[in-house]
């Protein structure tokens, strides 16, 4: 029977620590860490995420600005808003909620955010720094996964690590972080031949592909640590991950549930990045 890795508990403890450190920083410098989140359009899931980010910021004692822009916002209008936030010394982190409406140039928008305020760590400068292992910020979800492994005292050194998914947001940076932690890393994707043969080698399996219940028990090694980054909604309305929990949990030594696993850690690491940005700006 696998140990359940409780993301809610780890996130709550980490947020309390961030709140304490932020209060000490503000008392010492008079500076309140500030995050601005831009949301374009009416995507319901994005609205929930933004609301959760706003709430988490306020609970941590941060300044939180939410800028809502209409679905028909132009590239120039969005870039002008980013320029405005770049010049605001009270804002230390700028985040543009993805996905954007299709007519907008996501690459240009993300690169308009200055690297020192890029608390999502999506800017090409920050992704390059992650590659080198000399970074200021980490993408929030992979950083959250590493925090969970550390909290659970799961040592990555020398372990066979398999990441299923190669997105710029999770898969690629996740592989880099596991590599920096001295894991032996394989990245799988839609073109991988005999996926199960690869995933069965994993001591630590991280799954981030966006397909409900895709990884099943027969694809997992006995005693593996399984980290499920997926968040999907079944036809019955229930949330599920990319891992079929029922068949995988009996084989794993430790596993993250969905919901209540990796999800709460993502916003937690966003708070960490925003505090880091505020400290770097105030040096």
C-alpha atoms as a PDB file:
ATOM      1  CA  UNK A   1       0.000   0.000   0.000  1.00  0.00           C
ATOM      2  CA  UNK A   2       1.529   3.299  -1.112  1.00  0.00           C
ATOM      3  CA  UNK A   3       2.193   6.245   1.165  1.00  0.00           C
ATOM      4  CA  UNK A   4      -0.035   9.115   0.051  1.00  0.00           C
ATOM      5  CA  UNK A   5       1.937  12.325  -0.489  1.00  0.00           C
ATOM      6  CA  UNK A   6      -0.332  15.015   0.951  1.00  0.00           C
ATOM      7  CA  UNK A   7       0.175  18.129  -1.190  1.00  0.00           C
ATOM      8  CA  UNK A   8      -2.335  20.145   0.829  1.00  0.00           C
ATOM      9  CA  UNK A   9      -0.399  19.574   4.045  1.00  0.00           C
ATOM     10  CA  UNK A  10       2.995  20.316   2.477  1.00  0.00           C
ATOM     11  CA  UNK A  11       1.609  23.440   0.777  1.00  0.00           C
ATOM     12  CA  UNK A  12       0.000  24.711   3.998  1.00  0.00           C
ATOM     13  CA  UNK A  13       3.233  24.321   5.975  1.00  0.00           C
ATOM     14  CA  UNK A  14       5.310  25.914   3.201  1.00  0.00           C
ATOM     15  CA  UNK A  15       2.898  28.855   2.878  1.00  0.00           C
ATOM     16  CA  UNK A  16       3.071  29.504   6.620  1.00  0.00           C
ATOM     17  CA  UNK A  17       6.857  29.648   6.295  1.00  0.00           C
ATOM     18  CA  UNK A  18       6.616  32.021   3.299  1.00  0.00           C
ATOM     19  CA  UNK A  19       4.164  34.228   5.219  1.00  0.00           C
ATOM     20  CA  UNK A  20       6.584  34.404   8.172  1.00  0.00           C
ATOM     21  CA  UNK A  21       9.583  35.243   5.960  1.00  0.00           C
ATOM     22  CA  UNK A  22       7.571  37.818   3.997  1.00  0.00           C
ATOM     23  CA  UNK A  23       6.494  39.527   7.252  1.00  0.00           C
ATOM     24  CA  UNK A  24      10.138  39.649   8.421  1.00  0.00           C
ATOM     25  CA  UNK A  25      11.212  41.069   5.053  1.00  0.00           C
ATOM     26  CA  UNK A  26       8.489  43.738   5.125  1.00  0.00           C
ATOM     27  CA  UNK A  27       9.300  44.687   8.732  1.00  0.00           C
ATOM     28  CA  UNK A  28      12.970  45.049   7.813  1.00  0.00           C
ATOM     29  CA  UNK A  29      12.607  46.907   4.493  1.00  0.00           C
ATOM     30  CA  UNK A  30       9.093  48.378   4.420  1.00  0.00           C
ATOM     31  CA  UNK A  31       8.588  46.562   1.101  1.00  0.00           C
ATOM     32  CA  UNK A  32       5.481  44.403   0.562  1.00  0.00           C
ATOM     33  CA  UNK A  33       6.007  41.675  -2.088  1.00  0.00           C
ATOM     34  CA  UNK A  34       3.683  42.422  -5.009  1.00  0.00           C
ATOM     35  CA  UNK A  35       2.251  40.159  -7.711  1.00  0.00           C
ATOM     36  CA  UNK A  36       0.236  41.282 -10.736  1.00  0.00           C
ATOM     37  CA  UNK A  37      -1.789  38.698 -12.644  1.00  0.00           C
ATOM     38  CA  UNK A  38      -3.243  39.538 -16.059  1.00  0.00           C
ATOM     39  CA  UNK A  39      -6.162  37.472 -17.299  1.00  0.00           C
ATOM     40  CA  UNK A  40      -7.502  37.930 -20.832  1.00  0.00           C
ATOM     41  CA  UNK A  41     -10.995  36.676 -21.699  1.00  0.00           C
ATOM     42  CA  UNK A  42     -13.545  34.526 -19.891  1.00  0.00           C
ATOM     43  CA  UNK A  43     -11.926  31.082 -19.598  1.00  0.00           C
ATOM     44  CA  UNK A  44     -13.685  29.572 -16.525  1.00  0.00           C
ATOM     45  CA  UNK A  45     -10.714  27.423 -15.428  1.00  0.00           C
ATOM     46  CA  UNK A  46      -8.361  30.401 -15.719  1.00  0.00           C
ATOM     47  CA  UNK A  47     -10.712  32.499 -13.598  1.00  0.00           C
ATOM     48  CA  UNK A  48     -10.612  29.876 -10.840  1.00  0.00           C
ATOM     49  CA  UNK A  49      -6.802  29.728 -10.959  1.00  0.00           C
ATOM     50  CA  UNK A  50      -6.499  33.512 -10.807  1.00  0.00           C
ATOM     51  CA  UNK A  51      -8.940  33.738  -7.912  1.00  0.00           C
ATOM     52  CA  UNK A  52      -6.905  31.123  -6.014  1.00  0.00           C
ATOM     53  CA  UNK A  53      -3.661  33.001  -6.686  1.00  0.00           C
ATOM     54  CA  UNK A  54      -5.193  36.260  -5.463  1.00  0.00           C
ATOM     55  CA  UNK A  55      -6.466  34.601  -2.276  1.00  0.00           C
ATOM     56  CA  UNK A  56      -3.091  32.942  -1.584  1.00  0.00           C
ATOM     57  CA  UNK A  57      -1.255  36.257  -2.017  1.00  0.00           C
ATOM     58  CA  UNK A  58      -3.528  38.080   0.411  1.00  0.00           C
ATOM     59  CA  UNK A  59      -3.202  35.277   2.982  1.00  0.00           C
ATOM     60  CA  UNK A  60       0.607  35.530   2.740  1.00  0.00           C
ATOM     61  CA  UNK A  61       0.498  39.308   3.267  1.00  0.00           C
ATOM     62  CA  UNK A  62       1.411  40.148  -0.342  1.00  0.00           C
ATOM     63  CA  UNK A  63       0.064  42.898  -2.569  1.00  0.00           C
ATOM     64  CA  UNK A  64      -2.096  41.279  -5.254  1.00  0.00           C
ATOM     65  CA  UNK A  65      -3.265  43.079  -8.401  1.00  0.00           C
ATOM     66  CA  UNK A  66      -5.599  41.232 -10.776  1.00  0.00           C
ATOM     67  CA  UNK A  67      -5.962  42.885 -14.187  1.00  0.00           C
ATOM     68  CA  UNK A  68      -8.902  41.580 -16.202  1.00  0.00           C
ATOM     69  CA  UNK A  69      -8.832  42.303 -19.934  1.00  0.00           C
ATOM     70  CA  UNK A  70     -11.542  41.543 -22.486  1.00  0.00           C
ATOM     71  CA  UNK A  71     -11.482  38.653 -24.958  1.00  0.00           C
ATOM     72  CA  UNK A  72     -10.891  41.076 -27.866  1.00  0.00           C
ATOM     73  CA  UNK A  73      -7.797  42.684 -26.305  1.00  0.00           C
ATOM     74  CA  UNK A  74      -5.119  43.278 -28.957  1.00  0.00           C
ATOM     75  CA  UNK A  75      -1.459  42.323 -28.720  1.00  0.00           C
ATOM     76  CA  UNK A  76      -0.510  45.995 -28.463  1.00  0.00           C
ATOM     77  CA  UNK A  77      -2.949  46.583 -25.603  1.00  0.00           C
ATOM     78  CA  UNK A  78      -1.643  43.593 -23.679  1.00  0.00           C
ATOM     79  CA  UNK A  79       1.996  44.554 -24.239  1.00  0.00           C
ATOM     80  CA  UNK A  80       1.216  48.130 -23.130  1.00  0.00           C
ATOM     81  CA  UNK A  81      -0.255  46.786 -19.878  1.00  0.00           C
ATOM     82  CA  UNK A  82       2.893  44.719 -19.277  1.00  0.00           C
ATOM     83  CA  UNK A  83       5.022  47.852 -19.897  1.00  0.00           C
ATOM     84  CA  UNK A  84       2.967  49.662 -17.276  1.00  0.00           C
ATOM     85  CA  UNK A  85       3.564  46.884 -14.730  1.00  0.00           C
ATOM     86  CA  UNK A  86       7.272  46.753 -15.582  1.00  0.00           C
ATOM     87  CA  UNK A  87       7.532  50.369 -14.446  1.00  0.00           C
ATOM     88  CA  UNK A  88       5.635  49.782 -11.186  1.00  0.00           C
ATOM     89  CA  UNK A  89       8.207  49.382  -8.382  1.00  0.00           C
ATOM     90  CA  UNK A  90       5.552  47.911  -6.087  1.00  0.00           C
ATOM     91  CA  UNK A  91       5.049  44.960  -8.421  1.00  0.00           C
ATOM     92  CA  UNK A  92       7.826  42.369  -8.173  1.00  0.00           C
ATOM     93  CA  UNK A  93       6.182  39.583 -10.158  1.00  0.00           C
ATOM     94  CA  UNK A  94       4.137  39.707 -13.379  1.00  0.00           C
ATOM     95  CA  UNK A  95       2.144  36.698 -14.546  1.00  0.00           C
ATOM     96  CA  UNK A  96      -0.012  36.390 -17.657  1.00  0.00           C
ATOM     97  CA  UNK A  97      -2.537  33.592 -17.167  1.00  0.00           C
ATOM     98  CA  UNK A  98      -2.403  30.984 -19.937  1.00  0.00           C
ATOM     99  CA  UNK A  99      -3.930  29.966 -22.252  1.00  0.00           C
ATOM    100  CA  UNK A 100      -4.428  33.268 -24.053  1.00  0.00           C
ATOM    101  CA  UNK A 101      -7.106  33.792 -26.717  1.00  0.00           C
ATOM    102  CA  UNK A 102      -5.820  32.404 -30.023  1.00  0.00           C
ATOM    103  CA  UNK A 103      -5.342  35.756 -31.763  1.00  0.00           C
ATOM    104  CA  UNK A 104      -2.668  36.816 -29.258  1.00  0.00           C
ATOM    105  CA  UNK A 105       1.056  36.099 -29.650  1.00  0.00           C
ATOM    106  CA  UNK A 106       1.898  34.076 -26.531  1.00  0.00           C
ATOM    107  CA  UNK A 107       5.653  34.017 -27.235  1.00  0.00           C
ATOM    108  CA  UNK A 108       5.855  37.814 -27.633  1.00  0.00           C
ATOM    109  CA  UNK A 109       3.767  38.328 -24.497  1.00  0.00           C
ATOM    110  CA  UNK A 110       5.903  36.042 -22.324  1.00  0.00           C
ATOM    111  CA  UNK A 111       9.131  37.598 -23.588  1.00  0.00           C
ATOM    112  CA  UNK A 112       7.811  41.092 -22.833  1.00  0.00           C
ATOM    113  CA  UNK A 113       7.843  40.260 -19.114  1.00  0.00           C
ATOM    114  CA  UNK A 114      11.284  41.241 -17.768  1.00  0.00           C
ATOM    115  CA  UNK A 115      13.244  38.201 -16.493  1.00  0.00           C
ATOM    116  CA  UNK A 116      13.536  39.709 -12.999  1.00  0.00           C
ATOM    117  CA  UNK A 117       9.711  39.905 -12.728  1.00  0.00           C
ATOM    118  CA  UNK A 118       9.034  36.614 -14.548  1.00  0.00           C
ATOM    119  CA  UNK A 119       7.801  34.617 -11.538  1.00  0.00           C
ATOM    120  CA  UNK A 120       6.440  31.843 -13.798  1.00  0.00           C
ATOM    121  CA  UNK A 121      10.018  31.353 -15.111  1.00  0.00           C
ATOM    122  CA  UNK A 122       8.830  31.118 -18.727  1.00  0.00           C
ATOM    123  CA  UNK A 123      11.108  33.822 -20.198  1.00  0.00           C
ATOM    124  CA  UNK A 124      13.892  32.487 -22.417  1.00  0.00           C
ATOM    125  CA  UNK A 125      16.523  33.975 -20.064  1.00  0.00           C
ATOM    126  CA  UNK A 126      15.089  32.125 -17.080  1.00  0.00           C
ATOM    127  CA  UNK A 127      14.651  28.856 -18.968  1.00  0.00           C
ATOM    128  CA  UNK A 128      18.299  29.140 -20.052  1.00  0.00           C
ATOM    129  CA  UNK A 129      19.396  29.668 -16.458  1.00  0.00           C
ATOM    130  CA  UNK A 130      17.474  26.555 -15.405  1.00  0.00           C
ATOM    131  CA  UNK A 131      19.334  24.586 -18.081  1.00  0.00           C
ATOM    132  CA  UNK A 132      22.643  25.766 -16.579  1.00  0.00           C
ATOM    133  CA  UNK A 133      21.504  25.082 -13.008  1.00  0.00           C
ATOM    134  CA  UNK A 134      22.137  28.719 -12.012  1.00  0.00           C
ATOM    135  CA  UNK A 135      18.642  30.167 -11.680  1.00  0.00           C
ATOM    136  CA  UNK A 136      16.679  32.855  -9.841  1.00  0.00           C
ATOM    137  CA  UNK A 137      13.221  31.306 -10.305  1.00  0.00           C
ATOM    138  CA  UNK A 138      11.887  27.855 -11.127  1.00  0.00           C
ATOM    139  CA  UNK A 139       8.640  27.054 -12.970  1.00  0.00           C
ATOM    140  CA  UNK A 140       6.096  26.628 -10.202  1.00  0.00           C
ATOM    141  CA  UNK A 141       4.845  23.090 -10.850  1.00  0.00           C
ATOM    142  CA  UNK A 142       8.255  21.372 -11.251  1.00  0.00           C
ATOM    143  CA  UNK A 143       9.533  23.364  -8.254  1.00  0.00           C
ATOM    144  CA  UNK A 144       6.521  22.130  -6.282  1.00  0.00           C
ATOM    145  CA  UNK A 145       7.297  18.527  -7.208  1.00  0.00           C
ATOM    146  CA  UNK A 146      10.908  18.900  -6.030  1.00  0.00           C
ATOM    147  CA  UNK A 147       9.694  20.448  -2.767  1.00  0.00           C
ATOM    148  CA  UNK A 148       7.385  17.448  -2.214  1.00  0.00           C
ATOM    149  CA  UNK A 149      10.205  14.964  -2.817  1.00  0.00           C
ATOM    150  CA  UNK A 150      12.420  16.886  -0.396  1.00  0.00           C
ATOM    151  CA  UNK A 151       9.665  17.033   2.234  1.00  0.00           C
ATOM    152  CA  UNK A 152       9.055  13.296   1.933  1.00  0.00           C
ATOM    153  CA  UNK A 153      12.825  12.655   2.147  1.00  0.00           C
ATOM    154  CA  UNK A 154      12.839  10.906  -1.231  1.00  0.00           C
ATOM    155  CA  UNK A 155      16.419  11.124  -2.474  1.00  0.00           C
ATOM    156  CA  UNK A 156      16.744  11.542  -6.242  1.00  0.00           C
ATOM    157  CA  UNK A 157      20.489  10.823  -6.360  1.00  0.00           C
ATOM    158  CA  UNK A 158      21.287   7.881  -8.609  1.00  0.00           C
ATOM    159  CA  UNK A 159      17.620   6.969  -9.063  1.00  0.00           C
ATOM    160  CA  UNK A 160      16.095   6.126 -12.437  1.00  0.00           C
ATOM    161  CA  UNK A 161      13.693   9.033 -13.129  1.00  0.00           C
ATOM    162  CA  UNK A 162      11.155   8.984 -15.963  1.00  0.00           C
ATOM    163  CA  UNK A 163       9.185  12.089 -16.975  1.00  0.00           C
ATOM    164  CA  UNK A 164       6.166  11.472 -19.205  1.00  0.00           C
ATOM    165  CA  UNK A 165       5.511  14.727 -21.089  1.00  0.00           C
ATOM    166  CA  UNK A 166       7.828  17.302 -22.677  1.00  0.00           C
ATOM    167  CA  UNK A 167       6.013  20.625 -22.337  1.00  0.00           C
ATOM    168  CA  UNK A 168       8.018  23.796 -21.716  1.00  0.00           C
ATOM    169  CA  UNK A 169       5.947  24.429 -18.583  1.00  0.00           C
ATOM    170  CA  UNK A 170       6.346  21.057 -16.822  1.00  0.00           C
ATOM    171  CA  UNK A 171       8.066  18.210 -18.682  1.00  0.00           C
ATOM    172  CA  UNK A 172      11.327  19.816 -19.820  1.00  0.00           C
ATOM    173  CA  UNK A 173      12.085  21.831 -16.660  1.00  0.00           C
ATOM    174  CA  UNK A 174      11.059  18.834 -14.517  1.00  0.00           C
ATOM    175  CA  UNK A 175      13.662  16.711 -16.303  1.00  0.00           C
ATOM    176  CA  UNK A 176      16.302  19.407 -15.728  1.00  0.00           C
ATOM    177  CA  UNK A 177      15.558  19.669 -12.000  1.00  0.00           C
ATOM    178  CA  UNK A 178      15.745  15.903 -11.544  1.00  0.00           C
ATOM    179  CA  UNK A 179      19.032  15.927 -13.454  1.00  0.00           C
ATOM    180  CA  UNK A 180      20.396  18.723 -11.225  1.00  0.00           C
ATOM    181  CA  UNK A 181      19.402  16.561  -8.239  1.00  0.00           C
ATOM    182  CA  UNK A 182      21.629  13.776  -9.669  1.00  0.00           C
ATOM    183  CA  UNK A 183      18.861  11.593 -11.040  1.00  0.00           C
ATOM    184  CA  UNK A 184      19.300   9.548 -14.238  1.00  0.00           C
ATOM    185  CA  UNK A 185      16.534  11.019 -16.388  1.00  0.00           C
ATOM    186  CA  UNK A 186      14.514   9.760 -19.358  1.00  0.00           C
ATOM    187  CA  UNK A 187      11.858  11.967 -21.017  1.00  0.00           C
ATOM    188  CA  UNK A 188       8.952  10.214 -22.753  1.00  0.00           C
ATOM    189  CA  UNK A 189       6.391  11.704 -25.136  1.00  0.00           C
ATOM    190  CA  UNK A 190       3.815  10.842 -27.784  1.00  0.00           C
ATOM    191  CA  UNK A 191       6.474   9.395 -30.125  1.00  0.00           C
ATOM    192  CA  UNK A 192       8.099   7.149 -27.495  1.00  0.00           C
ATOM    193  CA  UNK A 193       8.067   3.500 -28.558  1.00  0.00           C
ATOM    194  CA  UNK A 194       6.711   1.001 -26.014  1.00  0.00           C
ATOM    195  CA  UNK A 195       6.075   3.575 -23.322  1.00  0.00           C
ATOM    196  CA  UNK A 196       5.321   0.940 -20.684  1.00  0.00           C
ATOM    197  CA  UNK A 197       8.752  -0.625 -21.109  1.00  0.00           C
ATOM    198  CA  UNK A 198      10.341   2.741 -20.263  1.00  0.00           C
ATOM    199  CA  UNK A 199       8.010   3.697 -17.399  1.00  0.00           C
ATOM    200  CA  UNK A 200       8.531   0.296 -15.729  1.00  0.00           C
ATOM    201  CA  UNK A 201      12.217   1.198 -15.255  1.00  0.00           C
ATOM    202  CA  UNK A 202      11.362   4.274 -13.176  1.00  0.00           C
ATOM    203  CA  UNK A 203      12.199   4.534  -9.496  1.00  0.00           C
ATOM    204  CA  UNK A 204      10.592   7.990  -9.678  1.00  0.00           C
ATOM    205  CA  UNK A 205       7.843   8.470 -12.293  1.00  0.00           C
ATOM    206  CA  UNK A 206       6.503  11.972 -13.019  1.00  0.00           C
ATOM    207  CA  UNK A 207       3.482  12.085 -15.330  1.00  0.00           C
ATOM    208  CA  UNK A 208       2.370  15.315 -17.047  1.00  0.00           C
ATOM    209  CA  UNK A 209       0.614  14.612 -20.347  1.00  0.00           C
ATOM    210  CA  UNK A 210      -3.004  15.702 -19.829  1.00  0.00           C
ATOM    211  CA  UNK A 211      -4.634  12.327 -20.547  1.00  0.00           C
ATOM    212  CA  UNK A 212      -6.987  11.000 -17.877  1.00  0.00           C
ATOM    213  CA  UNK A 213      -5.918   7.756 -16.151  1.00  0.00           C
ATOM    214  CA  UNK A 214      -3.349   7.111 -18.891  1.00  0.00           C
ATOM    215  CA  UNK A 215      -0.662   5.421 -16.777  1.00  0.00           C
ATOM    216  CA  UNK A 216      -1.946   2.104 -15.443  1.00  0.00           C
ATOM    217  CA  UNK A 217      -0.611  -0.353 -12.869  1.00  0.00           C
ATOM    218  CA  UNK A 218       1.030  -2.607 -15.448  1.00  0.00           C
ATOM    219  CA  UNK A 219       3.198   0.367 -16.560  1.00  0.00           C
ATOM    220  CA  UNK A 220       4.671   0.955 -13.093  1.00  0.00           C
ATOM    221  CA  UNK A 221       7.557  -0.737 -11.300  1.00  0.00           C
ATOM    222  CA  UNK A 222       6.898  -2.281  -7.889  1.00  0.00           C
ATOM    223  CA  UNK A 223       7.886   0.257  -5.217  1.00  0.00           C
ATOM    224  CA  UNK A 224       8.106   3.276  -7.542  1.00  0.00           C
ATOM    225  CA  UNK A 225       7.407   6.836  -6.390  1.00  0.00           C
ATOM    226  CA  UNK A 226       4.636   8.175  -8.654  1.00  0.00           C
ATOM    227  CA  UNK A 227       4.020  11.909  -9.062  1.00  0.00           C
ATOM    228  CA  UNK A 228       0.822  12.747 -10.966  1.00  0.00           C
ATOM    229  CA  UNK A 229       0.845  16.295 -12.356  1.00  0.00           C
ATOM    230  CA  UNK A 230      -2.321  15.792 -14.442  1.00  0.00           C
ATOM    231  CA  UNK A 231      -5.675  17.428 -13.772  1.00  0.00           C
ATOM    232  CA  UNK A 232      -8.529  16.137 -15.911  1.00  0.00           C
ATOM    233  CA  UNK A 233     -12.294  16.075 -15.534  1.00  0.00           C
ATOM    234  CA  UNK A 234     -14.119  12.784 -16.155  1.00  0.00           C
ATOM    235  CA  UNK A 235     -17.511  12.615 -17.835  1.00  0.00           C
ATOM    236  CA  UNK A 236     -19.114  12.254 -14.394  1.00  0.00           C
ATOM    237  CA  UNK A 237     -17.563  15.609 -13.423  1.00  0.00           C
ATOM    238  CA  UNK A 238     -14.982  14.173 -11.020  1.00  0.00           C
ATOM    239  CA  UNK A 239     -11.353  15.272 -11.179  1.00  0.00           C
ATOM    240  CA  UNK A 240      -8.712  12.692 -12.015  1.00  0.00           C
ATOM    241  CA  UNK A 241      -5.031  12.746 -12.857  1.00  0.00           C
ATOM    242  CA  UNK A 242      -2.955  11.257 -15.664  1.00  0.00           C
ATOM    243  CA  UNK A 243      -2.376   8.177 -13.479  1.00  0.00           C
ATOM    244  CA  UNK A 244      -5.028   5.517 -12.883  1.00  0.00           C
ATOM    245  CA  UNK A 245      -4.814   5.766  -9.097  1.00  0.00           C
ATOM    246  CA  UNK A 246      -6.772   2.573  -8.373  1.00  0.00           C
ATOM    247  CA  UNK A 247      -4.414   0.271 -10.297  1.00  0.00           C
ATOM    248  CA  UNK A 248      -1.133   2.151  -9.610  1.00  0.00           C
ATOM    249  CA  UNK A 249      -1.459   2.866  -5.872  1.00  0.00           C
ATOM    250  CA  UNK A 250      -1.104  -0.806  -4.774  1.00  0.00           C
ATOM    251  CA  UNK A 251       2.233  -1.067  -6.641  1.00  0.00           C
ATOM    252  CA  UNK A 252       3.766   2.298  -5.706  1.00  0.00           C
ATOM    253  CA  UNK A 253       5.741   3.039  -2.540  1.00  0.00           C
ATOM    254  CA  UNK A 254       4.466   6.641  -2.561  1.00  0.00           C
ATOM    255  CA  UNK A 255       1.958   8.456  -4.779  1.00  0.00           C
ATOM    256  CA  UNK A 256       0.325  11.882  -5.133  1.00  0.00           C
ATOM    257  CA  UNK A 257      -3.480  11.985  -5.261  1.00  0.00           C
ATOM    258  CA  UNK A 258      -5.567  14.138  -7.604  1.00  0.00           C
ATOM    259  CA  UNK A 259      -6.878  16.476  -6.353  1.00  0.00           C
ATOM    260  CA  UNK A 260      -4.785  17.361  -3.297  1.00  0.00           C
ATOM    261  CA  UNK A 261      -1.364  16.373  -4.614  1.00  0.00           C
ATOM    262  CA  UNK A 262       0.790  18.546  -6.853  1.00  0.00           C
ATOM    263  CA  UNK A 263      -1.924  21.182  -7.462  1.00  0.00           C
ATOM    264  CA  UNK A 264      -1.667  23.072  -4.141  1.00  0.00           C
ATOM    265  CA  UNK A 265       2.127  23.259  -4.523  1.00  0.00           C
ATOM    266  CA  UNK A 266       2.014  25.256  -7.779  1.00  0.00           C
ATOM    267  CA  UNK A 267       0.585  28.433  -6.236  1.00  0.00           C
ATOM    268  CA  UNK A 268       2.801  27.919  -3.181  1.00  0.00           C
ATOM    269  CA  UNK A 269       5.935  28.082  -5.334  1.00  0.00           C
ATOM    270  CA  UNK A 270       4.532  31.155  -7.112  1.00  0.00           C
ATOM    271  CA  UNK A 271       4.500  32.875  -3.703  1.00  0.00           C
ATOM    272  CA  UNK A 272       8.090  31.714  -3.138  1.00  0.00           C
ATOM    273  CA  UNK A 273       9.168  33.170  -6.488  1.00  0.00           C
ATOM    274  CA  UNK A 274       7.422  36.483  -5.796  1.00  0.00           C
ATOM    275  CA  UNK A 275       9.155  36.818  -2.423  1.00  0.00           C
ATOM    276  CA  UNK A 276      12.496  35.999  -4.087  1.00  0.00           C
ATOM    277  CA  UNK A 277      11.859  38.668  -6.750  1.00  0.00           C
ATOM    278  CA  UNK A 278      11.019  41.266  -4.069  1.00  0.00           C
ATOM    279  CA  UNK A 279      14.218  40.444  -2.149  1.00  0.00           C
ATOM    280  CA  UNK A 280      16.389  40.648  -5.280  1.00  0.00           C
ATOM    281  CA  UNK A 281      14.871  44.013  -6.228  1.00  0.00           C
ATOM    282  CA  UNK A 282      15.444  45.406  -2.730  1.00  0.00           C
ATOM    283  CA  UNK A 283      19.113  44.344  -2.429  1.00  0.00           C
END
